[in-house]
């Protein structure tokens, strides 16, 4: 499933989603920079899986010196509002997605379906409806 998400003022909302059958490359271990997780729940609120992701707030850029064409300069812009994509495994059982910003980096050890023990703040919630 491909989620087109919007990030603004510390909150995540859904722009659109596309459901696809297929597989995703599994994440064996989470990068320490992945401070966000998406937890998928079934209709009975059982956790199905956890997917780590990043929000690409930093935009790196280069530009050429206009006055004398002597070389390139660059910089970083930290965006407070942006759209981004998260890919998660599609399962028909998924009824709810929670997006959580983790408080502690030490929880980022391995991808797992057991989401007990993750401490963080819910920054987005999406209720999925069945396809017609």
Foldseek 3Di string as FASTA:
>chain_A
DKFWWKAAPLAIDTPDDDDDADDDDFDFFDDLQQQKKKWFAFPVRQTDWIDTDHDPQKDKDKDADPPPRPGIDIDIDGHRIDIDMDDDHDDQRGFKMWMWGFPDSVVRTGTDSDPPPGDTDTRYMDGDDHDD
